[in-house]
Amino acid sequence: MGQVRPMPKQPPMDDAHVQGAGTVSSIDSAHCGLCGAKLSARALRHHLISPQSCGAAITVCHTCQKAALGEGYRLVE
């Protein structure tokens, strides 16, 4: 049987550590991976897997999604 060792003690976190932590901000827009159109926060986005690379997912606009499915791209499940 394996040996079980206790986890090392970690110092308590104070407010200085918490306040120094990075903040998360949302991205307001992105770009379509096929046509380059700017995708606003409310735009329909679709995630597809490219047939040309090994499982690389790209984000595309609604128009490109329709065309890409006919070209061998697959939806990310």
N, C-alpha and C. Protein backbone atom coordinates (compact mmCIF):
# COMPACT_ATOMS: atom_id res chain seq x y z
N MET A 1 0.84 -1.18 0.00
CA MET A 1 0.00 0.00 0.00
C MET A 1 0.88 1.24 0.00
N GLY A 2 0.34 2.31 -0.55
CA GLY A 2 1.08 3.57 -0.62
C GLY A 2 1.07 4.33 0.70
N GLN A 3 2.01 5.19 0.85
CA GLN A 3 2.09 6.04 2.04
C GLN A 3 1.25 7.29 1.83
N VAL A 4 0.50 7.66 2.83
CA VAL A 4 -0.30 8.88 2.79
C VAL A 4 0.40 9.94 3.61
N ARG A 5 0.62 11.10 2.99
CA ARG A 5 1.28 12.20 3.69
C ARG A 5 0.31 13.37 3.77
N PRO A 6 0.32 14.09 4.88
CA PRO A 6 -0.59 15.24 5.00
C PRO A 6 -0.16 16.36 4.06
N MET A 7 -1.13 17.15 3.65
CA MET A 7 -0.86 18.30 2.79
C MET A 7 -0.06 19.33 3.58
N PRO A 8 0.84 20.07 2.92
CA PRO A 8 1.59 21.10 3.64
C PRO A 8 0.66 22.23 4.09
N LYS A 9 0.99 22.80 5.23
CA LYS A 9 0.19 23.91 5.76
C LYS A 9 0.41 25.14 4.90
N GLN A 10 -0.67 25.85 4.59
CA GLN A 10 -0.56 27.08 3.81
C GLN A 10 -0.86 28.26 4.73
N PRO A 11 -0.14 29.35 4.53
CA PRO A 11 -0.40 30.51 5.39
C PRO A 11 -1.80 31.06 5.11
N PRO A 12 -2.42 31.63 6.15
CA PRO A 12 -3.77 32.19 5.94
C PRO A 12 -3.74 33.37 4.96
N MET A 13 -4.79 33.49 4.18
CA MET A 13 -4.89 34.59 3.21
C MET A 13 -5.42 35.83 3.93
N ASP A 14 -4.76 36.95 3.73
CA ASP A 14 -5.26 38.19 4.29
C ASP A 14 -5.82 39.06 3.16
N ASP A 15 -6.36 40.21 3.52
CA ASP A 15 -6.99 41.08 2.52
C ASP A 15 -6.01 41.59 1.48
N ALA A 16 -4.75 41.74 1.83
CA ALA A 16 -3.75 42.23 0.88
C ALA A 16 -3.58 41.25 -0.28
N HIS A 17 -3.61 39.95 0.03
CA HIS A 17 -3.49 38.94 -1.03
C HIS A 17 -4.72 38.94 -1.92
N VAL A 18 -5.88 39.06 -1.33
CA VAL A 18 -7.12 39.02 -2.10
C VAL A 18 -7.25 40.26 -2.98
N GLN A 19 -6.92 41.42 -2.47
CA GLN A 19 -7.04 42.64 -3.26
C GLN A 19 -6.02 42.69 -4.39
N GLY A 20 -4.88 42.02 -4.24
CA GLY A 20 -3.86 42.02 -5.27
C GLY A 20 -4.16 41.03 -6.39
N ALA A 21 -5.19 40.22 -6.22
CA ALA A 21 -5.53 39.23 -7.24
C ALA A 21 -6.05 39.94 -8.49
N GLY A 22 -5.85 39.30 -9.64
CA GLY A 22 -6.30 39.87 -10.91
C GLY A 22 -7.81 39.91 -11.00
N THR A 23 -8.30 40.77 -11.83
CA THR A 23 -9.74 40.86 -12.03
C THR A 23 -10.10 40.23 -13.37
N VAL A 24 -11.31 39.77 -13.47
CA VAL A 24 -11.81 39.16 -14.69
C VAL A 24 -12.74 40.14 -15.36
N SER A 25 -12.51 40.39 -16.62
CA SER A 25 -13.40 41.28 -17.36
C SER A 25 -13.94 40.54 -18.57
N SER A 26 -15.16 40.85 -18.94
CA SER A 26 -15.75 40.19 -20.08
C SER A 26 -15.27 40.84 -21.38
N ILE A 27 -15.21 40.05 -22.41
CA ILE A 27 -14.82 40.57 -23.71
C ILE A 27 -16.08 41.04 -24.41
N ASP A 28 -16.09 42.30 -24.79
CA ASP A 28 -17.27 42.86 -25.43
C ASP A 28 -17.47 42.34 -26.85
N SER A 29 -16.39 42.08 -27.55
CA SER A 29 -16.54 41.62 -28.92
C SER A 29 -15.42 40.66 -29.28
N ALA A 30 -15.67 39.91 -30.31
CA ALA A 30 -14.68 39.00 -30.87
C ALA A 30 -14.82 39.09 -32.38
N HIS A 31 -14.04 38.33 -33.07
CA HIS A 31 -14.11 38.34 -34.53
C HIS A 31 -14.39 36.93 -35.04
N CYS A 32 -15.11 36.85 -36.13
CA CYS A 32 -15.40 35.58 -36.78
C CYS A 32 -14.09 34.98 -37.28
N GLY A 33 -13.90 33.70 -37.04
CA GLY A 33 -12.68 33.03 -37.45
C GLY A 33 -12.57 32.80 -38.94
N LEU A 34 -13.67 33.00 -39.69
CA LEU A 34 -13.63 32.78 -41.12
C LEU A 34 -13.68 34.07 -41.93
N CYS A 35 -14.63 34.95 -41.62
CA CYS A 35 -14.75 36.17 -42.42
C CYS A 35 -14.15 37.39 -41.73
N GLY A 36 -13.89 37.30 -40.44
CA GLY A 36 -13.28 38.41 -39.71
C GLY A 36 -14.26 39.46 -39.23
N ALA A 37 -15.56 39.23 -39.41
CA ALA A 37 -16.56 40.20 -38.96
C ALA A 37 -16.53 40.31 -37.44
N LYS A 38 -16.75 41.53 -36.94
CA LYS A 38 -16.77 41.76 -35.51
C LYS A 38 -18.05 41.18 -34.92
N LEU A 39 -17.91 40.39 -33.87
CA LEU A 39 -19.06 39.79 -33.18
C LEU A 39 -19.32 40.57 -31.91
N SER A 40 -20.43 41.27 -31.86
CA SER A 40 -20.77 42.04 -30.67
C SER A 40 -21.22 41.10 -29.56
N ALA A 41 -21.47 41.66 -28.40
CA ALA A 41 -21.85 40.85 -27.24
C ALA A 41 -23.17 40.11 -27.47
N ARG A 42 -24.06 40.66 -28.29
CA ARG A 42 -25.36 40.03 -28.53
C ARG A 42 -25.41 39.22 -29.83
N ALA A 43 -24.33 39.17 -30.58
CA ALA A 43 -24.32 38.44 -31.85
C ALA A 43 -24.35 36.93 -31.61
N LEU A 44 -24.97 36.23 -32.55
CA LEU A 44 -24.97 34.77 -32.48
C LEU A 44 -23.57 34.27 -32.79
N ARG A 45 -23.06 33.40 -31.94
CA ARG A 45 -21.72 32.82 -32.13
C ARG A 45 -21.85 31.31 -32.17
N HIS A 46 -21.08 30.71 -33.02
CA HIS A 46 -21.09 29.26 -33.14
C HIS A 46 -19.65 28.78 -33.05
N HIS A 47 -19.45 27.66 -32.37
CA HIS A 47 -18.13 27.09 -32.22
C HIS A 47 -18.05 25.85 -33.10
N LEU A 48 -17.09 25.86 -34.03
CA LEU A 48 -16.94 24.78 -34.99
C LEU A 48 -15.54 24.19 -34.89
N ILE A 49 -15.43 22.94 -35.31
CA ILE A 49 -14.13 22.28 -35.39
C ILE A 49 -13.72 22.26 -36.84
N SER A 50 -12.53 22.74 -37.10
CA SER A 50 -12.02 22.83 -38.47
C SER A 50 -11.58 21.45 -38.97
N PRO A 51 -11.91 21.11 -40.22
CA PRO A 51 -11.44 19.83 -40.77
C PRO A 51 -9.97 19.89 -41.16
N GLN A 52 -9.37 21.08 -41.21
CA GLN A 52 -7.99 21.23 -41.65
C GLN A 52 -6.98 21.09 -40.53
N SER A 53 -7.41 21.20 -39.29
CA SER A 53 -6.49 21.05 -38.17
C SER A 53 -7.03 20.01 -37.20
N CYS A 54 -6.19 19.53 -36.36
CA CYS A 54 -6.55 18.44 -35.45
C CYS A 54 -7.41 18.94 -34.29
N GLY A 55 -8.68 19.08 -34.50
CA GLY A 55 -9.60 19.42 -33.44
C GLY A 55 -9.57 20.86 -32.97
N ALA A 56 -9.01 21.77 -33.75
CA ALA A 56 -8.97 23.18 -33.34
C ALA A 56 -10.36 23.79 -33.50
N ALA A 57 -10.86 24.39 -32.45
CA ALA A 57 -12.18 25.01 -32.48
C ALA A 57 -12.04 26.49 -32.84
N ILE A 58 -12.96 26.97 -33.66
CA ILE A 58 -13.00 28.38 -34.02
C ILE A 58 -14.39 28.92 -33.74
N THR A 59 -14.48 30.22 -33.52
CA THR A 59 -15.75 30.89 -33.30
C THR A 59 -16.12 31.62 -34.58
N VAL A 60 -17.33 31.38 -35.06
CA VAL A 60 -17.76 31.98 -36.32
C VAL A 60 -19.12 32.66 -36.16
N CYS A 61 -19.43 33.55 -37.09
CA CYS A 61 -20.73 34.23 -37.11
C CYS A 61 -21.80 33.27 -37.65
N HIS A 62 -23.04 33.69 -37.56
CA HIS A 62 -24.16 32.85 -37.98
C HIS A 62 -24.11 32.56 -39.47
N THR A 63 -23.76 33.54 -40.28
CA THR A 63 -23.71 33.36 -41.72
C THR A 63 -22.62 32.35 -42.11
N CYS A 64 -21.44 32.50 -41.55
CA CYS A 64 -20.34 31.59 -41.86
C CYS A 64 -20.61 30.18 -41.34
N GLN A 65 -21.34 30.07 -40.26
CA GLN A 65 -21.65 28.75 -39.71
C GLN A 65 -22.45 27.93 -40.71
N LYS A 66 -23.41 28.56 -41.36
CA LYS A 66 -24.22 27.84 -42.35
C LYS A 66 -23.36 27.36 -43.51
N ALA A 67 -22.47 28.21 -43.99
CA ALA A 67 -21.60 27.84 -45.11
C ALA A 67 -20.56 26.80 -44.70
N ALA A 68 -20.02 26.93 -43.50
CA ALA A 68 -18.95 26.04 -43.05
C ALA A 68 -19.42 24.61 -42.84
N LEU A 69 -20.66 24.44 -42.40
CA LEU A 69 -21.16 23.08 -42.19
C LEU A 69 -21.19 22.30 -43.50
N GLY A 70 -21.41 22.99 -44.62
CA GLY A 70 -21.39 22.34 -45.92
C GLY A 70 -19.99 22.06 -46.43
N GLU A 71 -18.99 22.65 -45.81
CA GLU A 71 -17.59 22.48 -46.23
C GLU A 71 -16.83 21.49 -45.36
N GLY A 72 -17.50 20.80 -44.46
CA GLY A 72 -16.83 19.79 -43.65
C GLY A 72 -16.54 20.18 -42.21
N TYR A 73 -16.87 21.39 -41.80
CA TYR A 73 -16.71 21.78 -40.41
C TYR A 73 -17.77 21.07 -39.58
N ARG A 74 -17.45 20.82 -38.30
CA ARG A 74 -18.40 20.16 -37.41
C ARG A 74 -18.68 21.05 -36.21
N LEU A 75 -19.87 20.94 -35.64
CA LEU A 75 -20.23 21.67 -34.43
C LEU A 75 -19.48 21.11 -33.24
N VAL A 76 -19.06 21.99 -32.35
CA VAL A 76 -18.44 21.56 -31.10
C VAL A 76 -19.57 21.05 -30.20
N GLU A 77 -19.40 19.87 -29.65
CA GLU A 77 -20.47 19.29 -28.81
C GLU A 77 -20.20 19.53 -27.36
